[in-house]
Structure formats: C-alpha cells, structure tokens
Protein backbone atom coordinates (compact mmCIF):
# COMPACT_ATOMS: atom_id res chain seq x y z
CA MET A 1 15.03 -16.19 8.34
CA THR A 2 18.83 -15.78 7.36
CA GLY A 3 20.43 -12.89 5.77
CA ARG A 4 20.44 -14.73 2.32
CA SER A 5 16.86 -15.52 2.72
CA LEU A 6 16.14 -11.56 3.59
CA GLY A 7 18.03 -10.64 0.55
CA THR A 8 16.02 -13.07 -1.72
CA VAL A 9 12.70 -11.75 -0.36
CA GLY A 10 13.95 -8.06 -0.83
CA ILE A 11 15.00 -8.31 -3.99
CA ALA A 12 12.02 -10.28 -5.17
CA THR A 13 9.78 -7.54 -3.54
CA LEU A 14 11.93 -4.78 -5.23
CA VAL A 15 11.56 -6.50 -8.53
CA ALA A 16 7.99 -6.81 -8.12
CA ALA A 17 7.51 -3.15 -7.63
CA VAL A 18 9.55 -2.03 -10.35
CA LEU A 19 7.65 -4.05 -12.94
CA GLY A 20 4.51 -2.20 -12.32
CA TYR A 21 5.85 1.06 -13.65
CA PRO A 22 6.52 -0.05 -17.35
CA LEU A 23 2.66 -1.03 -17.50
CA LEU A 24 1.71 2.49 -16.43
CA VAL A 25 3.91 3.84 -19.01
CA VAL A 26 2.45 1.82 -21.71
CA THR A 27 -1.17 2.67 -20.42
CA ALA A 28 -0.78 6.18 -20.32
CA ARG A 29 0.60 6.11 -24.10
CA VAL A 30 -2.50 3.90 -25.43
CA LEU A 31 -5.50 5.49 -23.66
CA SER A 32 -6.71 8.66 -23.62
CA PRO A 33 -6.14 11.08 -20.77
CA LEU A 34 -9.69 10.63 -19.54
CA ASP A 35 -9.68 6.72 -19.87
CA ASN A 36 -6.16 6.71 -18.33
CA GLU A 37 -7.94 8.58 -15.32
CA VAL A 38 -10.23 6.00 -14.99
CA PHE A 39 -7.41 3.18 -15.12
CA LEU A 40 -5.21 4.66 -12.70
CA THR A 41 -8.05 5.00 -10.30
CA PHE A 42 -8.72 1.06 -10.88
CA TRP A 43 -5.12 0.76 -10.10
CA GLY A 44 -5.22 2.64 -6.86
CA LEU A 45 -8.34 0.81 -5.87
CA LEU A 46 -6.99 -2.55 -6.44
CA PHE A 47 -3.56 -2.14 -5.09
CA GLY A 48 -5.11 -0.23 -2.15
CA ALA A 49 -7.20 -3.09 -1.37
CA GLY A 50 -4.18 -5.66 -1.83
CA ALA A 51 -2.47 -3.36 0.75
CA VAL A 52 -5.38 -3.99 3.12
CA MET A 53 -5.47 -7.98 2.22
CA SER A 54 -1.61 -8.16 2.78
CA THR A 55 -2.60 -8.11 6.44
CA ILE A 56 -3.38 -11.86 5.91
CA GLU A 57 -0.05 -12.40 5.00
CA GLN A 58 1.35 -11.11 8.09
CA GLU A 59 -1.44 -12.75 10.49
CA VAL A 60 -0.90 -16.52 8.59
CA SER A 61 2.99 -16.19 8.50
CA ARG A 62 2.71 -15.79 12.19
CA GLN A 63 0.60 -18.92 12.76
CA THR A 64 2.59 -20.88 10.42
CA THR A 65 5.76 -20.01 12.12
CA LEU A 66 4.55 -20.60 15.38
CA ALA A 67 3.18 -24.16 14.00
CA ASP A 68 6.72 -24.93 12.28
CA VAL A 69 8.42 -24.34 15.49
CA ALA A 70 6.23 -26.80 17.23
CA GLY A 71 6.63 -29.29 14.75
CA LYS A 72 3.29 -29.05 13.46
CA ARG A 73 1.27 -27.73 10.56
CA ALA A 74 -0.63 -24.63 10.25
CA GLY A 75 -3.93 -25.65 11.28
CA PHE A 76 -7.53 -24.21 10.55
CA GLY A 77 -6.55 -20.80 12.06
CA VAL A 78 -5.21 -19.66 8.60
CA ALA A 79 -8.33 -20.74 6.70
CA GLN A 80 -10.37 -18.45 9.19
CA VAL A 81 -8.21 -15.50 8.81
CA VAL A 82 -8.41 -15.81 5.00
CA ALA A 83 -12.14 -16.35 4.98
CA VAL A 84 -12.60 -13.54 7.54
CA CYS A 85 -11.09 -11.14 5.22
CA ALA A 86 -12.30 -12.56 2.01
CA VAL A 87 -16.01 -11.64 3.23
CA ALA A 88 -14.63 -8.33 4.00
CA VAL A 89 -13.42 -7.82 0.43
CA LEU A 90 -16.53 -9.17 -0.86
CA VAL A 91 -18.51 -6.58 1.03
CA LEU A 92 -16.40 -3.98 -0.24
CA GLY A 93 -16.56 -5.36 -3.69
CA LEU A 94 -20.46 -5.04 -3.26
CA VAL A 95 -20.24 -1.46 -2.47
CA VAL A 96 -17.93 -0.55 -5.20
CA LEU A 97 -20.37 -2.48 -7.63
CA LEU A 98 -23.35 -0.24 -6.67
CA PRO A 99 -24.09 2.00 -9.79
CA PRO A 100 -23.75 5.17 -8.03
CA VAL A 101 -20.55 4.25 -6.67
CA SER A 102 -19.07 2.52 -9.72
CA SER A 103 -20.15 5.52 -11.95
CA ARG A 104 -18.50 7.91 -9.45
CA LEU A 105 -15.26 6.01 -9.55
CA PHE A 106 -14.88 4.84 -13.17
CA GLY A 107 -17.76 6.69 -15.21
CA ASP A 108 -21.00 5.50 -16.90
CA GLY A 109 -20.73 1.75 -17.84
CA GLY A 110 -18.21 1.06 -14.91
CA GLY A 111 -19.91 -1.74 -13.81
CA SER A 112 -17.18 -4.14 -15.71
CA ILE A 113 -14.14 -2.23 -14.35
CA ALA A 114 -15.68 -2.36 -10.68
CA LEU A 115 -16.20 -6.37 -11.28
CA ALA A 116 -12.63 -6.88 -12.31
CA ALA A 117 -11.58 -4.65 -9.34
CA ALA A 118 -13.89 -6.50 -7.03
CA GLY A 119 -12.27 -9.96 -8.41
CA GLY A 120 -8.79 -9.15 -8.31
CA ALA A 121 -9.16 -7.99 -4.68
CA LEU A 122 -10.48 -11.21 -3.81
CA GLY A 123 -7.73 -12.96 -5.70
CA PHE A 124 -5.28 -11.07 -3.29
CA ALA A 125 -7.06 -12.63 -0.32
CA LEU A 126 -5.96 -15.89 -1.45
CA GLN A 127 -2.61 -14.75 -2.70
CA PHE A 128 -1.72 -13.41 0.29
CA GLY A 129 -2.91 -16.58 2.41
CA LEU A 130 -0.62 -18.42 0.38
CA ARG A 131 2.11 -16.07 0.92
CA GLY A 132 1.82 -16.23 4.58
CA LEU A 133 2.06 -19.85 4.37
CA LEU A 134 5.10 -20.16 2.43
CA LEU A 135 6.89 -17.61 4.25
CA GLY A 136 5.94 -18.93 7.85
CA SER A 137 7.50 -22.50 6.69
CA GLY A 138 10.51 -21.06 5.43
CA GLN A 139 9.84 -21.63 1.97
CA VAL A 140 11.42 -18.61 0.67
CA LYS A 141 12.09 -19.27 -2.93
CA PRO A 142 8.64 -20.41 -3.97
CA TYR A 143 7.27 -17.23 -1.93
CA SER A 144 9.81 -14.92 -3.90
CA ALA A 145 8.62 -16.79 -7.21
CA LEU A 146 5.05 -16.14 -6.19
CA VAL A 147 5.94 -12.45 -5.46
CA VAL A 148 7.72 -12.03 -8.99
CA VAL A 149 5.14 -14.29 -11.00
CA GLU A 150 2.29 -12.17 -9.83
CA PRO A 151 3.63 -8.73 -11.86
CA LEU A 152 4.86 -10.66 -14.85
CA ILE A 153 1.38 -12.38 -15.47
CA ARG A 154 0.19 -8.82 -15.60
CA ALA A 155 2.72 -7.65 -17.86
CA VAL A 156 2.58 -10.25 -20.14
CA LEU A 157 -1.35 -10.27 -20.28
CA LEU A 158 -1.39 -6.74 -20.72
CA GLY A 159 1.46 -6.46 -22.97
CA GLY A 160 -0.25 -9.17 -25.09
CA PHE A 161 -3.93 -7.38 -25.25
CA VAL A 162 -2.06 -4.11 -26.26
CA VAL A 163 -0.32 -6.05 -29.24
CA ALA A 164 -3.29 -7.71 -30.14
CA GLY A 165 -5.43 -4.38 -30.39
CA LEU A 166 -7.17 -4.89 -27.13
CA ASN A 167 -6.52 -1.77 -25.69
CA GLY A 168 -9.58 -0.71 -24.27
CA LEU A 169 -10.13 -0.02 -20.54
CA VAL A 170 -11.89 -3.07 -19.85
CA PRO A 171 -9.35 -5.38 -21.47
CA LEU A 172 -6.31 -3.54 -19.53
CA THR A 173 -8.21 -3.82 -16.40
CA ILE A 174 -8.95 -7.37 -16.41
CA ALA A 175 -5.14 -8.07 -17.30
CA VAL A 176 -4.26 -6.26 -14.31
CA ALA A 177 -6.53 -7.87 -11.97
CA ALA A 178 -5.65 -11.22 -13.34
CA GLY A 179 -2.02 -10.80 -11.81
CA SER A 180 -3.82 -11.46 -8.43
CA LEU A 181 -4.49 -15.21 -9.58
CA ALA A 182 -0.81 -16.10 -9.51
CA TRP A 183 -1.65 -18.19 -6.53
CA LEU A 184 -3.33 -20.72 -8.84
CA VAL A 185 0.20 -21.69 -10.17
CA PHE A 186 1.47 -22.46 -6.74
CA ALA A 187 -1.86 -23.59 -4.99
CA TRP A 188 -0.31 -27.30 -4.49
CA ARG A 189 2.14 -26.23 -2.31
CA ALA A 190 -0.23 -25.36 0.27
CA ARG A 191 -1.67 -28.57 0.86
CA PRO A 192 1.25 -30.23 2.68
CA LEU A 193 1.51 -27.23 4.82
CA VAL A 194 -1.90 -27.25 6.53
CA ASP A 195 -3.83 -29.54 8.53
CA LEU A 196 -7.45 -28.20 8.55
CA ARG A 197 -8.24 -30.54 11.57
CA GLY A 198 -5.65 -28.24 13.70
CA ASP A 199 -5.68 -25.54 16.07
CA ARG A 200 -8.76 -23.07 15.65
CA GLU A 201 -10.18 -20.03 17.26
CA PRO A 202 -13.64 -18.72 17.91
CA TRP A 203 -14.92 -16.76 14.75
CA ALA A 204 -15.49 -13.64 16.66
CA VAL A 205 -11.77 -13.63 18.20
CA VAL A 206 -10.35 -13.94 14.28
CA ALA A 207 -12.78 -11.29 13.01
CA ARG A 208 -11.95 -8.74 15.95
CA ARG A 209 -8.20 -9.13 15.23
CA MET A 210 -8.30 -8.90 11.46
CA VAL A 211 -10.50 -6.17 11.45
CA VAL A 212 -8.37 -4.27 13.37
CA LEU A 213 -5.27 -5.08 11.13
CA MET A 214 -7.37 -4.19 8.09
CA LEU A 215 -8.56 -1.09 9.50
CA GLY A 216 -4.75 0.10 10.04
CA ALA A 217 -3.84 -0.93 6.79
CA GLY A 218 -6.58 0.69 4.96
CA LEU A 219 -5.97 4.17 6.71
CA VAL A 220 -2.39 3.95 5.55
CA ALA A 221 -3.58 2.59 1.96
CA SER A 222 -5.76 5.75 1.72
CA VAL A 223 -3.46 8.08 1.60
CA LEU A 224 -0.63 5.87 -0.17
CA THR A 225 -1.88 3.24 -3.07
CA GLY A 226 -5.46 3.81 -2.73
CA TYR A 227 -5.41 8.13 -2.80
CA PRO A 228 -6.40 8.13 -6.49
CA ALA A 229 -9.72 6.52 -5.77
CA VAL A 230 -10.17 8.19 -2.61
CA ALA A 231 -9.26 11.63 -4.90
CA LYS A 232 -11.95 10.60 -7.51
CA LEU A 233 -14.73 10.32 -5.23
CA PHE A 234 -14.62 14.11 -4.70
CA LYS A 235 -14.23 15.04 -8.56
CA SER A 236 -17.36 16.32 -10.29
CA PRO A 237 -17.88 15.56 -14.08
CA ALA A 238 -17.18 19.21 -14.45
CA ASP A 239 -13.29 18.56 -13.88
CA GLY A 240 -12.93 16.46 -17.07
CA ASP A 241 -9.60 14.62 -17.13
CA SER A 242 -7.69 17.30 -14.75
CA LEU A 243 -6.45 14.59 -12.51
CA THR A 244 -4.80 12.27 -14.98
CA ALA A 245 -1.24 14.03 -14.95
CA LEU A 246 -1.74 14.37 -11.22
CA PHE A 247 -2.23 10.46 -10.63
CA LEU A 248 1.08 9.84 -12.92
CA THR A 249 2.92 12.29 -11.32
CA LEU A 250 2.08 10.86 -8.04
CA THR A 251 3.22 7.37 -9.05
CA VAL A 252 6.70 8.81 -10.02
CA ALA A 253 6.98 11.02 -6.71
CA ARG A 254 6.24 7.55 -4.89
CA LEU A 255 9.19 5.69 -6.03
CA PRO A 256 11.57 6.41 -3.28
CA LEU A 257 8.93 4.82 -0.64
CA LEU A 258 10.08 1.44 -2.48
CA LEU A 259 13.26 1.62 -0.80
CA LEU A 260 11.48 2.42 2.71
CA SER A 261 10.73 -1.18 3.73
CA PRO A 262 14.10 -2.16 4.63
CA VAL A 263 14.72 0.94 6.69
CA GLN A 264 11.18 0.28 8.41
CA ALA A 265 12.44 -3.59 9.14
CA LEU A 266 15.83 -2.01 10.63
CA ALA A 267 13.65 0.67 12.81
CA VAL A 268 11.96 -1.78 14.94
CA PRO A 269 14.68 -3.83 16.44
CA THR A 270 16.90 -0.66 16.53
CA VAL A 271 14.13 1.07 18.63
CA VAL A 272 13.58 -2.21 21.11
CA ARG A 273 17.51 -2.02 21.86
CA LEU A 274 17.54 1.74 22.42
CA SER A 275 14.45 1.72 24.54
CA VAL A 276 15.65 -0.86 27.19
CA ASP A 277 17.19 2.04 29.62
CA ALA A 278 17.03 5.81 30.03
CA ALA A 279 20.33 6.64 28.55
CA GLY A 280 19.17 4.73 25.31
CA ARG A 281 15.75 6.39 25.09
CA ARG A 282 17.46 9.77 25.40
CA ARG A 283 19.60 8.67 22.58
CA LEU A 284 16.64 7.27 20.42
CA ARG A 285 14.61 10.85 21.12
CA ALA A 286 17.60 12.98 20.09
CA LEU A 287 17.90 10.42 16.90
CA LEU A 288 14.07 10.74 16.06
CA ALA A 289 13.98 14.60 16.70
CA LYS A 290 17.07 15.16 14.20
CA GLY A 291 15.54 12.83 11.79
CA ALA A 292 12.19 14.78 11.78
CA ALA A 293 13.97 17.63 11.22
CA ALA A 294 15.97 16.23 8.51
CA ALA A 295 13.06 14.86 6.74
CA VAL A 296 11.56 18.47 6.30
CA GLY A 297 14.62 19.83 4.84
CA VAL A 298 15.00 16.91 2.47
CA ALA A 299 11.39 17.38 1.70
CA ALA A 300 11.82 21.08 1.02
CA LEU A 301 14.85 20.45 -1.08
CA GLY A 302 12.99 17.50 -3.02
CA ALA A 303 9.88 20.03 -3.64
CA GLY A 304 12.31 22.40 -5.28
CA LEU A 305 14.03 19.95 -7.70
CA GLY A 306 10.62 18.58 -8.42
CA ALA A 307 9.40 21.91 -9.24
CA LEU A 308 12.26 21.90 -11.89
CA LEU A 309 12.41 18.81 -13.31
CA GLY A 310 8.84 17.49 -13.09
CA PRO A 311 7.30 19.39 -15.86
CA TRP A 312 9.95 18.02 -18.14
CA VAL A 313 10.17 14.59 -16.87
CA ILE A 314 6.27 13.46 -16.66
CA PRO A 315 5.71 14.35 -20.52
CA LEU A 316 8.92 12.80 -21.43
CA VAL A 317 8.00 9.40 -19.83
CA PHE A 318 4.25 9.28 -20.26
CA SER A 319 3.93 11.28 -23.38
CA ALA A 320 2.99 14.94 -24.11
CA LYS A 321 -0.71 14.29 -23.70
CA TYR A 322 0.39 14.77 -19.93
CA LEU A 323 1.25 18.10 -18.81
CA VAL A 324 1.73 19.14 -15.04
CA GLU A 325 2.54 22.39 -13.26
CA SER A 326 5.65 22.97 -11.15
CA TRP A 327 3.62 23.22 -7.88
CA VAL A 328 1.77 20.39 -8.27
CA VAL A 329 5.29 18.34 -8.65
CA ALA A 330 6.56 20.26 -5.92
CA GLY A 331 3.68 19.14 -3.60
CA LEU A 332 3.46 15.67 -4.60
CA VAL A 333 7.40 15.28 -3.75
CA TRP A 334 6.93 17.27 -0.46
CA SER A 335 4.31 14.71 0.65
CA SER A 336 6.15 11.60 -0.45
CA VAL A 337 9.10 12.64 1.58
CA VAL A 338 7.08 13.63 4.64
CA LEU A 339 5.02 10.36 4.54
CA GLY A 340 7.94 8.30 4.47
CA ALA A 341 9.02 9.83 7.88
CA VAL A 342 5.51 9.63 9.08
CA MET A 343 5.91 5.75 8.08
CA LEU A 344 9.22 5.39 10.16
CA LEU A 345 7.78 7.06 13.31
CA ALA A 346 4.65 4.65 12.85
CA ALA A 347 7.28 1.81 13.05
CA VAL A 348 8.57 3.25 16.24
CA LEU A 349 5.02 2.94 17.60
CA VAL A 350 4.80 -0.68 16.52
CA ALA A 351 8.29 -1.26 18.27
CA ARG A 352 6.92 0.14 21.34
CA LYS A 353 3.87 -1.98 21.17
CA GLN A 354 1.60 1.37 21.05
CA VAL A 355 -0.80 -0.06 18.41
CA GLY A 356 -3.54 2.53 19.39
CA ALA A 357 -1.26 5.21 19.16
CA GLN A 358 -0.12 4.00 15.63
CA LEU A 359 -3.80 3.60 14.54
CA VAL A 360 -4.83 7.37 15.96
CA LEU A 361 -1.72 8.42 13.88
CA TRP A 362 -2.85 6.98 10.71
CA ALA A 363 -6.56 8.06 11.31
CA VAL A 364 -5.46 11.51 11.97
CA VAL A 365 -3.45 11.79 8.52
CA ALA A 366 -6.49 9.57 6.61
CA ALA A 367 -9.13 11.90 8.09
CA THR A 368 -7.09 15.29 7.40
CA SER A 369 -6.67 14.36 3.59
CA VAL A 370 -10.66 13.43 3.23
CA LEU A 371 -11.45 16.63 4.88
CA VAL A 372 -9.14 18.95 2.53
CA LEU A 373 -10.71 17.18 -0.31
CA TRP A 374 -14.06 17.61 0.87
CA LEU A 375 -14.02 21.08 2.40
CA TRP A 376 -11.31 23.10 0.76
CA PRO A 377 -12.69 25.83 -1.67
CA ALA A 378 -10.79 25.08 -4.63
CA ASP A 379 -10.77 23.20 -7.95
CA ILE A 380 -10.11 19.34 -7.85
CA VAL A 381 -6.48 19.41 -8.50
CA VAL A 382 -5.40 21.95 -5.54
CA ARG A 383 -7.76 19.89 -3.22
CA ALA A 384 -5.96 16.77 -4.14
CA VAL A 385 -2.52 18.07 -3.90
CA LEU A 386 -3.24 19.97 -0.88
CA GLY A 387 -4.81 16.69 0.59
CA LEU A 388 -1.61 15.07 0.19
CA VAL A 389 0.58 18.09 1.58
CA VAL A 390 -1.40 18.94 4.41
CA ALA A 391 -2.22 15.27 5.73
CA PRO A 392 1.36 13.99 6.14
CA THR A 393 2.65 17.49 7.46
CA VAL A 394 -0.20 17.25 10.38
CA GLY A 395 1.04 13.39 10.63
CA LEU A 396 4.93 14.32 11.06
CA ALA A 397 3.71 16.87 13.62
CA LEU A 398 1.39 14.48 15.65
CA GLY A 399 3.81 11.50 15.12
CA ALA A 400 6.93 13.19 16.46
CA TRP A 401 4.91 14.05 19.27
CA LEU A 402 3.96 10.65 20.10
CA VAL A 403 7.27 9.34 19.90
CA LEU A 404 9.66 11.86 21.62
CA ARG A 405 7.17 12.36 24.63
CA GLU A 406 8.39 10.54 27.92
CA ARG A 407 6.24 7.84 29.10
CA ALA A 408 6.76 5.25 31.78
CA GLY A 409 5.51 2.41 29.30
CA ASP A 410 7.94 3.50 26.60
CA THR A 411 10.72 0.78 27.95
CA VAL A 412 10.78 -2.32 25.97
CA GLU A 413 11.91 -5.13 27.32
CA ALA A 414 14.70 -6.74 25.25
CA SER A 415 14.15 -10.29 24.16
CA GLY A 416 17.16 -12.75 25.25
C-alpha cells in the first residue's frame, strides 16, 4: 500500500470515528439519563462486538492479498472466515437475547434492543468481510468510502428519527445498528473478487485460528469500547442511572486513543528494525523504558487537568443533566493514557511474534477489571472507575516486564 493509500484510509478511519460523537451528544440530550445509560450500554456492546468482528477484515485481507499477488481471486477460504465468525456472533446474540441477560443489560423489555444489537453485530461480520476483500485487492477508494458511509447512514437515520419525533430507545438503537448494513451498498463489488471454487481449508483449522483472533480482540474490547456493557452487568437496580455520566465521560476520555492507530502501525516496523542485533535491542529497551515512564507522567498530568476541566466540560457538551465528579474524570483520563501505553507494548509483542504473551497481557487486564467490578466493596461508580484505573496500571507493569526482559527469541529477522 502506497503512502497516498495509507493517507486515504487513515483519513477515512478518523472521519468515521469522529462522526460517532455528535450522535452521542444528540442522544444524551433527547433521552433521559436512565434511558441514555441503556443506550450507551447498547453502544458499547455493539461496537465491542464490532471490534471482535474486525478480525475478519484482517484475515480476509491477508488471504485476498496473497491471492492478488499470485494473480488469482480470493478463494472459498474468505467465505469460511466470515461464516465461522458469523456463527460465533450469532451464539453471542442468542446469549444476549436470553431474558436474564437482556434485562440485566437493557432493563425490563430490553429484548428489542438486544435484537438490534445482535442484528448489528451480524451485519458487522459481513461488512468486515467485504472490507477485507476491498483492502486486500487494493481497492482503497471504495474501501474508504465504505468506512465513511457506515457512520453516515447511522447519523442520517438517527437524525431523521429525532426530527420525526421517534426519539425512543428502540428507534435510536435500530438507527445505530443499521450502520453495520452499509456493506449492502457496496456488495456488488465483492463478486469479481472471489472465486468460491478456489482454495479452502479444513473448517476446524479456520475455526481454531479465528477463535484465537476473536478472543484476543474480545479481551481488548472488554476494557475499551465494550466496557459499558461489562460494567452494566455488575450494576444493581438500586444504583439508578448512576453510570450514565460516567459512560459519557469515558467516551470523551477515550478521544486520544483515536490518534493511536498510526503510532501502533509505526511501532511494529520500528521494533522489527531495532531487534535484529544486540545494540538495537538495548536501544529498544531504553526507548520502551523511557516511554513507559513518560506514560505514567502524562497520565498523572492528564488526570490533574481532567479533574479541573471535566466537571465543567461534560455538562456543557452533553447537557446539565449529567454531572460528574473530579475524581471520576481524573481516573478515566489516567486509564485512557495508560491503556494507550499498554496497546503500544502489545504492538511490540506482536512485532516479536509473541502472540501468547500478548494474549496473557490482555487476559490479565480484562480479568483485573472484572474482578474489581465484582469484588471491590464500594458502589458501582467507584468500582467502574477503579476497574479502569487498576486494570491498565497492572497491564502497564506486566507489559513493561514482558517487553523489557531479555530473551533469546527476541531477535526479529528483518525482511529483505
């Protein structure tokens, strides 16, 4: 992919990410705090599932690129990848549709919202399959168009519903879920890119590979986009709408992570180049140690600024219905900065082909957040904030140890 192509994809991705924020502002203003908490839980669940389904794009893009280099079309293997992941998301959807689960996440009568989430997640499976085909075959412009059209459909539908007075929970969640059907607009482009009579793999092999990829993505999503849904599972009815302002603050605190993808992309080749000899590895360890220390300093500074500005910014942006305390904003900003550092350390492990270590890192982070939510003796707001403070901090310590230790296998062969 050329520099221009990378720029096109990067701009499209950034535009798509930014387009989601006005929707959260609108829904915060038209919904009651309690209904908005349900909406944000739905949002977290849907886009958490989307993050898991994004592994389809990676794998389909890989297979399509290999086929393109060989002068062939992608084979039946891409359909196998999509099918395996679609079955997985259908199973997840059926679990969410169970009355005890749907009522826990979305309250009484939440079956319609759970159905919208399941349908949207299934749409993501097909959408990421098409995105992988387009990207792997070098069709950058339609790929970028699809990336942007998805949030545009979501914005147009949600805005239209609000203007028409259909501003209840169910219409708004349907509007958001409908964005994952944007692939239908571009589906005709897939036909010339695939030969279903082509290469295939044993289903068990495909299933094992995709389960590992989805597991890793799911662990990350549980402390990122999907965290509101995870936290909601540990909330009792007596807590009221106490999580709404926290969830909105979290969306603002996560804004810096939108800028992290290009840095992660640069981290992998940098690690590969520095890992080819002992001198490079010493320099890399020094850079990583300084980076981890700097992350702590920036997190502390950001937490201080967040504590000062957050209680003023959140009501200003989302309406005076949502009040948040200084310590909550401080904790969430700390979490976002430290989590960004953990993501970069995970990218280093990927560059070193230490996939097992990367999975362990994210498993520890995810498990720590769940344990704090479950066992800490405090109200749900305290537990939710602490879960996001303690887990990434533990992850930073573990990630730093994993990448800074000297191992014989840390040498990475440079590609010619």
